[in-house]
């Protein structure tokens, strides 16, 4: 049985060492602020997966991979689907989290999560696990395709089945997944009457599980996409609540958009109280960021209603769940409708805005990209710079500058040396002045961009849905260093860690090194 008190102390120490060493990438983007910038050096400015040039290794994934690779303590984690099963015991449509050896690309273990069966719009077919993990010490935190927050043992089953959750055998069976804490068995009857897979050395070890649907009252839509933030003993994450299968109704109007869990037990300790849900146009896909602002921590959330919120991140003692205190809010699209928003479904000219990428904090400013929904909304999209401080009491004066994008945006901006890099679904890549929002340069790219640009070693790395991968100089003068075709769409952001660049397509994970 895992001693959580010892593990908590060990994980804090381990994470502190990771932060000091600065070479792993234990979460998506810079810690807390979400800036897509890495301090890694000696990274390639070109590579070719067809010839193997600078390809250290590659690993087969599923057939749809929308997650970003995360690197911590010699392991790489990435979510995918079960389109190319690695374990013959697990067949059919599943959400998969794969853990690979950082040096060799060998599969160490995998989390197998059945699809939700009530309605395909809860958990869209073949999508897999699209959330990236967050790693602290030996704890791996992930939001599954079922809307479960899971704490996993980084070693998998290699050190035994730690608890309190010990029923992994049932959790991977369709129709039996859930928060059961009963003892594990070697095999359980499957719903088709055959012998269900027991727990083996390739399986994940679940330490605890929190079901957002049952425990927080959310309504999942399409796919859970959340990158968890850790501050002290708490996990901060967007809930993934959204519309139902009609795309015109919010079935859980009291559902939270931001939740806080105890990282040691998974207990729900706090949530927002802003009643955002009734005006969510599609879903709550934007993960939160966090920063110290004027001496106190603020957490920033791009709501599914097109409003950017700042909450006090401090958790006080008292009954749970407590309501997070809102410090300020900013209407990202003030001319957009704020009520009866679903009557604009399918309208490409007018309607509400929402967020897919994360708000990024830099120098007392928030940089956020948002606009009309990619699938259901208007084409308009913007990159905006917003005053993040408490001293600005007039919400209408928080806007520092606004830059119009080409069409729809899913990217999170990367801010470096006075430049903001952002890509949109209008097949345009932008380099913008971080001070005043004027463009330094733009570049037409091949394919829509769902991923985010990542800056490292004086370069900007960007993949597109056409399978094109670009490397630019991170400079105010445009210099395209190289472009290559990877042969499959790219949804996730490139990751740099320990001198290696990791790029995931829908079907493969590549380790690229000089």
Protein backbone atom coordinates (compact mmCIF):
# COMPACT_ATOMS: atom_id res chain seq x y z
CA UNK A 1 0.00 0.00 0.00
CA UNK A 2 1.38 3.37 -1.01
CA UNK A 3 2.19 5.67 1.88
CA UNK A 4 0.75 8.91 0.55
CA UNK A 5 2.39 11.12 3.17
CA UNK A 6 5.87 9.89 2.28
CA UNK A 7 5.03 9.95 -1.42
CA UNK A 8 3.82 13.54 -1.22
CA UNK A 9 7.07 14.73 0.36
CA UNK A 10 9.15 12.72 -2.09
CA UNK A 11 7.21 14.00 -5.07
CA UNK A 12 7.65 17.62 -3.99
CA UNK A 13 11.40 17.13 -3.61
CA UNK A 14 11.61 15.33 -6.93
CA UNK A 15 9.64 18.02 -8.73
CA UNK A 16 11.86 20.71 -7.21
CA UNK A 17 14.94 18.95 -8.59
CA UNK A 18 13.28 18.67 -12.00
CA UNK A 19 12.54 22.36 -11.96
CA UNK A 20 16.14 23.22 -11.06
CA UNK A 21 17.57 20.87 -13.66
CA UNK A 22 15.20 22.27 -16.26
CA UNK A 23 15.77 19.54 -18.83
CA UNK A 24 12.64 17.40 -18.39
CA UNK A 25 9.25 18.64 -19.57
CA UNK A 26 6.84 17.35 -16.89
CA UNK A 27 3.81 19.34 -18.10
CA UNK A 28 2.52 21.07 -21.21
CA UNK A 29 4.20 24.48 -21.49
CA UNK A 30 6.21 26.34 -18.88
CA UNK A 31 5.29 25.57 -15.29
CA UNK A 32 2.16 27.51 -14.29
CA UNK A 33 2.41 30.27 -16.91
CA UNK A 34 1.78 27.92 -19.89
CA UNK A 35 4.23 29.73 -22.15
CA UNK A 36 5.27 27.45 -25.03
CA UNK A 37 8.99 28.14 -24.53
CA UNK A 38 11.77 25.73 -23.55
CA UNK A 39 15.35 26.35 -22.38
CA UNK A 40 16.66 23.33 -24.28
CA UNK A 41 19.76 23.78 -26.47
CA UNK A 42 21.42 21.92 -29.34
CA UNK A 43 18.18 21.03 -31.08
CA UNK A 44 18.00 20.25 -34.83
CA UNK A 45 16.98 22.78 -37.43
CA UNK A 46 16.05 20.03 -39.89
CA UNK A 47 15.24 16.31 -39.99
CA UNK A 48 13.73 13.73 -42.32
CA UNK A 49 11.68 10.78 -41.07
CA UNK A 50 11.72 9.13 -44.51
CA UNK A 51 15.50 8.81 -44.64
CA UNK A 52 15.96 8.60 -40.87
CA UNK A 53 18.11 11.73 -40.78
CA UNK A 54 18.42 12.78 -37.11
CA UNK A 55 15.70 10.32 -36.05
CA UNK A 56 16.93 8.77 -32.80
CA UNK A 57 13.96 6.41 -32.62
CA UNK A 58 10.29 6.22 -33.52
CA UNK A 59 7.40 4.46 -31.82
CA UNK A 60 4.06 3.32 -33.22
CA UNK A 61 1.03 4.98 -31.68
CA UNK A 62 -2.64 4.46 -32.54
CA UNK A 63 -4.46 5.90 -35.54
CA UNK A 64 -5.54 9.15 -33.87
CA UNK A 65 -3.19 11.04 -31.54
CA UNK A 66 -4.27 14.48 -30.37
CA UNK A 67 -2.08 14.65 -27.26
CA UNK A 68 1.28 16.31 -26.62
CA UNK A 69 4.25 14.18 -25.44
CA UNK A 70 5.42 14.83 -21.87
CA UNK A 71 8.91 13.84 -20.63
CA UNK A 72 9.85 13.17 -17.01
CA UNK A 73 12.40 10.98 -15.22
CA UNK A 74 13.39 8.89 -18.21
CA UNK A 75 9.85 8.28 -19.43
CA UNK A 76 7.69 9.74 -22.18
CA UNK A 77 3.90 9.82 -21.90
CA UNK A 78 1.44 10.38 -24.73
CA UNK A 79 -2.27 9.77 -25.22
CA UNK A 80 -3.62 8.03 -28.31
CA UNK A 81 -6.24 5.46 -29.34
CA UNK A 82 -6.09 1.68 -29.76
CA UNK A 83 -5.96 1.71 -33.55
CA UNK A 84 -2.77 -0.38 -33.51
CA UNK A 85 -3.07 -2.60 -30.39
CA UNK A 86 0.19 -3.29 -28.55
CA UNK A 87 -1.40 -5.87 -26.26
CA UNK A 88 -3.62 -8.59 -27.82
CA UNK A 89 -5.66 -8.68 -24.60
CA UNK A 90 -7.04 -5.22 -25.33
CA UNK A 91 -9.01 -5.00 -28.58
CA UNK A 92 -11.48 -2.48 -29.95
CA UNK A 93 -11.92 1.26 -29.53
CA UNK A 94 -10.15 2.42 -26.37
CA UNK A 95 -8.47 5.48 -24.96
CA UNK A 96 -4.76 4.76 -24.44
CA UNK A 97 -2.00 6.46 -22.48
CA UNK A 98 1.37 5.04 -23.50
CA UNK A 99 4.54 5.28 -21.43
CA UNK A 100 7.82 4.85 -23.35
CA UNK A 101 11.45 4.63 -22.32
CA UNK A 102 13.05 7.98 -23.09
CA UNK A 103 16.30 6.51 -24.45
CA UNK A 104 14.97 3.70 -26.61
CA UNK A 105 11.28 4.28 -27.30
CA UNK A 106 10.41 0.90 -25.77
CA UNK A 107 6.85 0.64 -24.46
CA UNK A 108 7.01 0.36 -20.65
CA UNK A 109 3.28 0.32 -19.82
CA UNK A 110 -0.06 1.64 -20.99
CA UNK A 111 -3.33 2.81 -19.48
CA UNK A 112 -6.33 1.23 -21.24
CA UNK A 113 -9.64 3.09 -20.88
CA UNK A 114 -12.89 1.86 -22.46
CA UNK A 115 -15.10 4.31 -24.32
CA UNK A 116 -18.18 5.73 -22.67
CA UNK A 117 -21.21 3.93 -24.02
CA UNK A 118 -24.17 6.20 -23.23
CA UNK A 119 -23.76 8.45 -26.27
CA UNK A 120 -20.94 8.89 -28.82
CA UNK A 121 -20.93 12.63 -28.11
CA UNK A 122 -19.70 11.96 -24.59
CA UNK A 123 -16.55 10.30 -25.90
CA UNK A 124 -16.19 10.59 -29.65
CA UNK A 125 -15.28 7.33 -31.45
CA UNK A 126 -11.58 6.66 -32.13
CA UNK A 127 -10.48 9.93 -30.49
CA UNK A 128 -8.53 8.21 -27.70
CA UNK A 129 -7.00 10.10 -24.79
CA UNK A 130 -6.24 13.63 -25.96
CA UNK A 131 -5.18 15.19 -22.64
CA UNK A 132 -1.45 15.49 -21.89
CA UNK A 133 -0.22 14.24 -18.52
CA UNK A 134 1.33 16.27 -15.71
CA UNK A 135 4.07 14.51 -13.75
CA UNK A 136 5.24 15.21 -10.21
CA UNK A 137 7.72 12.76 -8.72
CA UNK A 138 6.31 9.25 -9.16
CA UNK A 139 2.76 10.51 -9.69
CA UNK A 140 1.33 10.89 -13.20
CA UNK A 141 -1.90 12.90 -13.42
CA UNK A 142 -4.19 12.56 -16.45
CA UNK A 143 -7.79 13.23 -17.52
CA UNK A 144 -9.03 10.19 -19.41
CA UNK A 145 -11.40 10.06 -22.36
CA UNK A 146 -14.16 9.14 -19.88
CA UNK A 147 -13.76 12.40 -17.95
CA UNK A 148 -11.91 10.72 -15.09
CA UNK A 149 -9.03 12.38 -13.28
CA UNK A 150 -6.49 9.64 -12.58
CA UNK A 151 -3.36 9.53 -10.47
CA UNK A 152 -1.05 6.83 -11.88
CA UNK A 153 2.16 5.29 -10.60
CA UNK A 154 5.00 6.33 -12.94
CA UNK A 155 6.45 2.82 -12.62
CA UNK A 156 3.25 1.12 -13.72
CA UNK A 157 2.83 -2.38 -12.29
CA UNK A 158 6.61 -2.89 -12.06
CA UNK A 159 6.50 -2.22 -8.30
CA UNK A 160 3.21 -3.95 -7.65
CA UNK A 161 -0.40 -2.77 -7.54
CA UNK A 162 -0.43 0.20 -5.19
CA UNK A 163 -3.68 1.59 -3.83
CA UNK A 164 -6.07 2.68 -2.62
CA UNK A 165 -7.44 1.88 -6.10
CA UNK A 166 -6.70 -1.77 -6.86
CA UNK A 167 -9.39 -2.76 -9.35
CA UNK A 168 -7.54 -2.04 -12.59
CA UNK A 169 -8.73 -5.33 -14.07
CA UNK A 170 -12.35 -4.16 -14.00
CA UNK A 171 -11.54 -0.61 -15.01
CA UNK A 172 -10.33 -1.64 -18.47
CA UNK A 173 -13.51 -3.62 -19.28
CA UNK A 174 -16.35 -1.88 -21.16
CA UNK A 175 -19.41 -1.57 -18.97
CA UNK A 176 -17.47 -2.10 -15.73
CA UNK A 177 -15.24 0.99 -15.66
CA UNK A 178 -15.66 3.26 -12.71
CA UNK A 179 -14.43 4.18 -9.28
CA UNK A 180 -14.74 0.76 -7.68
CA UNK A 181 -12.14 0.28 -4.98
CA UNK A 182 -12.60 -3.48 -4.60
CA UNK A 183 -9.67 -5.85 -4.54
CA UNK A 184 -8.02 -6.73 -7.81
CA UNK A 185 -8.48 -10.17 -9.39
CA UNK A 186 -6.42 -11.95 -12.01
CA UNK A 187 -9.33 -12.08 -14.43
CA UNK A 188 -12.97 -10.99 -14.55
CA UNK A 189 -15.81 -12.04 -16.84
CA UNK A 190 -16.08 -9.80 -19.88
CA UNK A 191 -19.47 -8.66 -21.16
CA UNK A 192 -19.17 -11.07 -24.11
CA UNK A 193 -18.64 -14.02 -21.75
CA UNK A 194 -14.96 -14.50 -22.53
CA UNK A 195 -12.18 -14.17 -20.01
CA UNK A 196 -11.36 -10.52 -19.44
CA UNK A 197 -7.73 -9.43 -19.28
CA UNK A 198 -6.18 -9.43 -15.85
CA UNK A 199 -3.52 -6.97 -14.74
CA UNK A 200 -0.14 -7.61 -16.35
CA UNK A 201 3.29 -5.96 -16.45
CA UNK A 202 2.26 -3.73 -19.38
CA UNK A 203 -0.71 -2.25 -17.51
CA UNK A 204 -0.94 1.06 -15.69
CA UNK A 205 -1.22 1.22 -11.92
CA UNK A 206 -4.08 3.53 -10.86
CA UNK A 207 -3.53 5.05 -7.42
CA UNK A 208 -6.79 6.99 -7.24
CA UNK A 209 -9.62 8.03 -9.53
CA UNK A 210 -12.11 10.92 -9.50
CA UNK A 211 -15.05 10.81 -11.93
CA UNK A 212 -15.85 14.38 -13.02
CA UNK A 213 -19.28 13.35 -14.30
CA UNK A 214 -20.47 11.80 -11.05
CA UNK A 215 -18.32 13.75 -8.62
CA UNK A 216 -18.54 17.26 -10.08
CA UNK A 217 -21.74 17.08 -12.13
CA UNK A 218 -20.28 17.87 -15.53
CA UNK A 219 -21.53 16.85 -18.98
CA UNK A 220 -18.68 15.68 -21.21
CA UNK A 221 -18.75 16.47 -24.91
CA UNK A 222 -16.69 14.92 -27.73
CA UNK A 223 -13.46 14.45 -25.78
CA UNK A 224 -11.92 15.48 -22.49
CA UNK A 225 -8.95 17.77 -23.08
CA UNK A 226 -7.33 19.11 -19.94
CA UNK A 227 -3.75 19.77 -18.90
CA UNK A 228 -3.58 19.68 -15.11
CA UNK A 229 -1.73 22.35 -13.11
CA UNK A 230 -0.20 21.55 -9.73
CA UNK A 231 0.21 24.08 -6.94
CA UNK A 232 1.11 22.74 -3.52
CA UNK A 233 -1.31 19.97 -2.57
CA UNK A 234 -3.85 20.85 -5.25
CA UNK A 235 -4.64 20.07 -8.89
CA UNK A 236 -6.31 22.79 -10.98
CA UNK A 237 -8.05 21.77 -14.20
CA UNK A 238 -10.80 22.70 -16.62
CA UNK A 239 -13.78 20.38 -16.25
CA UNK A 240 -14.55 19.61 -19.91
CA UNK A 241 -18.27 20.31 -19.50
CA UNK A 242 -20.18 21.23 -22.64
CA UNK A 243 -23.29 20.82 -24.79
CA UNK A 244 -25.23 17.60 -25.33
CA UNK A 245 -25.65 15.66 -28.57
CA UNK A 246 -28.03 18.26 -30.00
CA UNK A 247 -25.34 20.96 -29.66
CA UNK A 248 -28.15 23.28 -28.55
CA UNK A 249 -28.66 22.32 -24.94
CA UNK A 250 -26.72 22.45 -21.67
CA UNK A 251 -28.03 19.52 -19.63
CA UNK A 252 -26.06 20.36 -16.46
CA UNK A 253 -26.36 24.17 -16.12
CA UNK A 254 -24.82 24.13 -12.64
CA UNK A 255 -21.68 22.27 -13.74
CA UNK A 256 -18.33 23.90 -12.89
CA UNK A 257 -15.83 24.95 -15.53
CA UNK A 258 -12.85 25.01 -13.16
CA UNK A 259 -12.29 22.39 -10.45
CA UNK A 260 -9.62 21.88 -7.79
CA UNK A 261 -8.74 18.42 -6.41
CA UNK A 262 -6.52 17.24 -3.58
CA UNK A 263 -3.57 15.66 -5.40
CA UNK A 264 -3.08 13.08 -2.64
CA UNK A 265 -6.59 11.63 -2.64
CA UNK A 266 -8.53 13.05 -5.60
CA UNK A 267 -11.07 14.72 -3.31
CA UNK A 268 -12.94 17.69 -4.82
CA UNK A 269 -11.98 20.72 -2.72
CA UNK A 270 -13.04 23.76 -4.79
CA UNK A 271 -14.77 24.92 -7.96
CA UNK A 272 -15.80 28.14 -9.66
CA UNK A 273 -19.19 29.62 -8.88
CA UNK A 274 -19.63 31.77 -11.98
CA UNK A 275 -22.51 29.83 -13.60
CA UNK A 276 -20.62 29.69 -16.88
CA UNK A 277 -22.24 26.50 -18.17
CA UNK A 278 -25.53 27.88 -19.62
CA UNK A 279 -23.61 30.09 -22.06
CA UNK A 280 -20.95 27.57 -23.14
CA UNK A 281 -21.15 27.46 -26.92
CA UNK A 282 -19.42 24.09 -27.39
CA UNK A 283 -17.13 22.86 -24.61
CA UNK A 284 -14.63 23.82 -21.91
CA UNK A 285 -11.40 22.81 -23.62
CA UNK A 286 -9.05 25.57 -22.45
CA UNK A 287 -6.78 24.51 -19.58
CA UNK A 288 -5.93 27.00 -16.83
CA UNK A 289 -2.70 28.89 -16.21
CA UNK A 290 -1.41 30.30 -12.94
CA UNK A 291 0.99 33.05 -11.88
CA UNK A 292 2.05 35.21 -8.99
CA UNK A 293 0.51 38.63 -9.63
CA UNK A 294 1.46 41.43 -7.25
CA UNK A 295 2.50 38.92 -4.62
CA UNK A 296 -0.45 36.53 -4.66
CA UNK A 297 -1.38 33.59 -6.90
CA UNK A 298 -4.05 33.99 -9.57
CA UNK A 299 -5.43 31.24 -11.76
CA UNK A 300 -6.62 32.17 -15.26
CA UNK A 301 -9.32 30.31 -17.18
CA UNK A 302 -10.63 30.79 -20.69
CA UNK A 303 -14.30 29.92 -20.29
CA UNK A 304 -16.42 28.18 -22.89
CA UNK A 305 -18.56 31.34 -22.89
CA UNK A 306 -15.76 33.50 -24.32
CA UNK A 307 -14.96 35.17 -20.99
CA UNK A 308 -11.45 35.15 -19.52
CA UNK A 309 -11.50 34.78 -15.72
CA UNK A 310 -8.95 35.38 -12.97
CA UNK A 311 -9.55 33.57 -9.67
CA UNK A 312 -7.75 33.67 -6.36
CA UNK A 313 -5.81 30.38 -6.29
CA UNK A 314 -5.66 30.20 -2.49
CA UNK A 315 -7.56 27.31 -0.90
CA UNK A 316 -8.78 27.86 2.65
CA UNK A 317 -9.88 25.34 5.24
CA UNK A 318 -13.56 24.58 5.46
CA UNK A 319 -16.28 22.41 3.98
CA UNK A 320 -15.81 21.17 0.41
CA UNK A 321 -16.27 22.10 -2.27
CA UNK A 322 -15.62 25.75 -1.59
CA UNK A 323 -16.17 28.44 -4.24
CA UNK A 324 -13.11 30.07 -5.77
CA UNK A 325 -13.13 33.84 -5.44
CA UNK A 326 -13.24 35.68 -8.75
CA UNK A 327 -10.78 38.60 -8.89
CA UNK A 328 -11.65 39.91 -12.35
CA UNK A 329 -13.11 38.90 -15.70
CA UNK A 330 -12.54 40.08 -19.25
CA UNK A 331 -14.99 39.80 -22.13
CA UNK A 332 -12.80 38.56 -24.99
CA UNK A 333 -15.43 39.33 -27.64
CA UNK A 334 -17.65 42.15 -26.32
CA UNK A 335 -19.73 42.39 -29.51
CA UNK A 336 -20.71 38.72 -29.41
CA UNK A 337 -24.06 37.46 -28.06
CA UNK A 338 -23.97 36.40 -24.41
CA UNK A 339 -27.35 34.64 -24.07
CA UNK A 340 -29.31 32.19 -26.22
CA UNK A 341 -25.97 31.42 -27.83
CA UNK A 342 -26.88 28.10 -29.42
CA UNK A 343 -29.19 29.66 -31.99
CA UNK A 344 -25.97 30.67 -33.79
CA UNK A 345 -24.90 27.04 -34.41
CA UNK A 346 -23.54 26.75 -37.94
CA UNK A 347 -23.40 30.52 -38.44
CA UNK A 348 -19.97 31.38 -39.88
CA UNK A 349 -20.57 35.16 -39.84
CA UNK A 350 -21.78 35.95 -36.33
CA UNK A 351 -22.06 34.27 -32.96
CA UNK A 352 -20.22 33.79 -29.65
CA UNK A 353 -16.51 33.15 -29.09
CA UNK A 354 -14.76 30.46 -27.10
CA UNK A 355 -11.24 29.25 -26.29
CA UNK A 356 -9.27 26.14 -27.22
CA UNK A 357 -5.71 27.19 -26.37
CA UNK A 358 -4.53 28.26 -22.94
CA UNK A 359 -4.05 31.80 -21.58
CA UNK A 360 -0.34 32.54 -21.20
CA UNK A 361 1.05 34.80 -18.48
CA UNK A 362 4.12 36.98 -19.15
CA UNK A 363 5.24 40.18 -17.39
CA UNK A 364 1.87 40.97 -15.77
CA UNK A 365 0.08 40.37 -19.06
CA UNK A 366 -2.14 37.57 -20.33
CA UNK A 367 -1.83 36.59 -23.98
CA UNK A 368 -4.87 34.65 -25.20
CA UNK A 369 -6.18 33.51 -28.57
CA UNK A 370 -9.87 32.86 -29.17
CA UNK A 371 -12.82 33.41 -31.43
CA UNK A 372 -15.56 31.51 -33.23
CA UNK A 373 -15.79 27.76 -32.79
CA UNK A 374 -13.94 25.70 -35.41
CA UNK A 375 -16.82 23.30 -36.04
CA UNK A 376 -19.94 25.32 -35.23
CA UNK A 377 -19.13 29.02 -35.07
CA UNK A 378 -18.08 32.14 -36.89
CA UNK A 379 -14.72 32.48 -38.64
CA UNK A 380 -13.46 35.47 -36.63
CA UNK A 381 -10.45 34.92 -34.34
CA UNK A 382 -8.04 37.17 -32.45
CA UNK A 383 -4.86 37.21 -30.43
CA UNK A 384 -5.23 39.64 -27.53
CA UNK A 385 -2.97 41.04 -24.81
CA UNK A 386 -4.68 41.76 -21.49
CA UNK A 387 -3.62 43.49 -18.27
CA UNK A 388 -3.48 40.74 -15.63
CA UNK A 389 -3.00 42.92 -12.54
CA UNK A 390 -5.48 43.57 -9.75
CA UNK A 391 -4.97 47.32 -9.91
CA UNK A 392 -6.92 47.63 -13.16
CA UNK A 393 -10.48 47.73 -11.82
CA UNK A 394 -12.19 48.76 -15.06
CA UNK A 395 -12.66 45.58 -17.10
CA UNK A 396 -13.13 47.57 -20.31
CA UNK A 397 -9.61 49.00 -19.93
CA UNK A 398 -7.81 45.67 -19.48
CA UNK A 399 -7.26 45.27 -23.22
CA UNK A 400 -3.73 46.36 -24.16
CA UNK A 401 -3.90 45.35 -27.82
CA UNK A 402 -5.80 43.11 -30.22
CA UNK A 403 -4.50 41.39 -33.37
CA UNK A 404 -6.89 39.82 -35.87
CA UNK A 405 -6.06 36.30 -37.01
CA UNK A 406 -6.92 34.71 -40.33
CA UNK A 407 -9.60 32.20 -39.28
CA UNK A 408 -10.37 30.11 -36.14
CA UNK A 409 -7.64 29.41 -33.62
CA UNK A 410 -6.79 26.39 -31.46
CA UNK A 411 -3.18 27.32 -30.63
CA UNK A 412 -1.66 28.53 -27.40
CA UNK A 413 0.72 31.48 -28.00
CA UNK A 414 4.47 31.32 -27.39
CA UNK A 415 6.11 34.54 -26.10
CA UNK A 416 9.87 35.01 -26.41
CA UNK A 417 12.19 38.04 -26.65
CA UNK A 418 9.39 40.51 -27.33
CA UNK A 419 7.71 38.29 -29.93
CA UNK A 420 4.45 36.33 -29.84
CA UNK A 421 4.13 33.31 -32.12
CA UNK A 422 0.66 32.00 -32.95
CA UNK A 423 -0.86 29.88 -35.71
CA UNK A 424 -4.47 29.64 -36.87
CA UNK A 425 -6.76 27.44 -38.94
CA UNK A 426 -6.62 29.91 -41.81
CA UNK A 427 -3.25 28.28 -42.63
CA UNK A 428 -1.30 31.29 -41.42
CA UNK A 429 1.61 31.49 -38.96
CA UNK A 430 2.15 34.84 -37.24
CA UNK A 431 5.03 36.56 -35.45
CA UNK A 432 3.65 39.57 -33.56
CA UNK A 433 5.22 42.31 -31.47
CA UNK A 434 4.48 41.43 -27.83
CA UNK A 435 4.51 45.09 -26.85
CA UNK A 436 1.94 46.56 -29.24
CA UNK A 437 0.48 43.71 -31.33
CA UNK A 438 1.85 44.77 -34.71
CA UNK A 439 3.01 41.94 -36.99
CA UNK A 440 6.70 41.32 -37.60
CA UNK A 441 5.91 38.70 -40.24
CA UNK A 442 3.47 36.02 -41.35
CA UNK A 443 3.88 32.80 -43.31
CA UNK A 444 1.41 30.68 -45.25
CA UNK A 445 1.57 27.07 -44.06
CA UNK A 446 0.22 23.89 -45.56
CA UNK A 447 -2.87 22.74 -43.65
CA UNK A 448 -4.86 23.88 -40.64
CA UNK A 449 -2.98 24.23 -37.36
CA UNK A 450 -4.40 22.58 -34.23
CA UNK A 451 -1.08 22.40 -32.39
CA UNK A 452 0.80 25.24 -30.71
CA UNK A 453 4.15 26.70 -31.76
CA UNK A 454 7.02 25.76 -29.45
CA UNK A 455 10.13 27.94 -29.08
CA UNK A 456 13.48 26.41 -28.10
CA UNK A 457 17.15 26.95 -28.94
CA UNK A 458 16.40 30.04 -31.04
CA UNK A 459 13.95 28.12 -33.21
CA UNK A 460 10.17 27.80 -33.53
CA UNK A 461 8.71 24.35 -34.17
CA UNK A 462 5.23 23.93 -35.68
CA UNK A 463 3.23 21.02 -37.12
CA UNK A 464 0.03 21.13 -39.17
CA UNK A 465 -2.92 18.88 -39.90
CA UNK A 466 -1.58 18.21 -43.40
CA UNK A 467 1.47 16.51 -41.86
CA UNK A 468 3.80 19.41 -42.65
CA UNK A 469 6.37 20.32 -40.02
CA UNK A 470 8.12 23.71 -40.05
CA UNK A 471 11.19 25.04 -38.27
CA UNK A 472 11.64 28.83 -38.24
CA UNK A 473 14.26 31.03 -36.66
CA UNK A 474 12.78 32.67 -33.56
CA UNK A 475 13.55 36.10 -34.92
CA UNK A 476 11.82 39.32 -35.93
CA UNK A 477 13.04 38.72 -39.48
CA UNK A 478 11.39 35.74 -41.12
CA UNK A 479 13.72 32.83 -41.78
CA UNK A 480 12.32 29.42 -42.62
CA UNK A 481 15.07 26.99 -41.65
CA UNK A 482 13.39 23.84 -42.96
CA UNK A 483 10.11 22.12 -43.70
CA UNK A 484 9.36 18.43 -44.05
CA UNK A 485 6.40 16.12 -44.56
CA UNK A 486 5.73 13.55 -41.84
CA UNK A 487 3.04 11.66 -43.72
CA UNK A 488 0.23 11.97 -41.15
CA UNK A 489 -1.67 14.84 -39.53
CA UNK A 490 -0.20 16.56 -36.48
CA UNK A 491 -2.46 17.70 -33.63
CA UNK A 492 -0.09 17.88 -30.66
CA UNK A 493 2.65 20.37 -29.83
CA UNK A 494 6.32 19.47 -30.23
CA UNK A 495 8.22 18.91 -26.96
CA UNK A 496 11.90 19.55 -26.20
CA UNK A 497 13.61 17.72 -23.34
CA UNK A 498 17.17 16.63 -22.56
CA UNK A 499 18.51 17.70 -25.94
CA UNK A 500 15.86 15.83 -27.93
CA UNK A 501 12.88 17.09 -29.92
CA UNK A 502 9.74 14.94 -29.71
CA UNK A 503 7.15 15.19 -32.48
CA UNK A 504 3.93 13.17 -32.58
CA UNK A 505 1.81 12.59 -35.66
CA UNK A 506 -1.50 10.79 -35.56
CA UNK A 507 0.33 7.45 -35.88
CA UNK A 508 3.94 7.80 -34.68
CA UNK A 509 6.09 9.45 -32.03
CA UNK A 510 9.52 10.59 -33.26
CA UNK A 511 12.58 11.38 -31.15
CA UNK A 512 14.75 13.83 -33.12
CA UNK A 513 18.31 14.56 -32.06
CA UNK A 514 21.54 16.01 -33.39
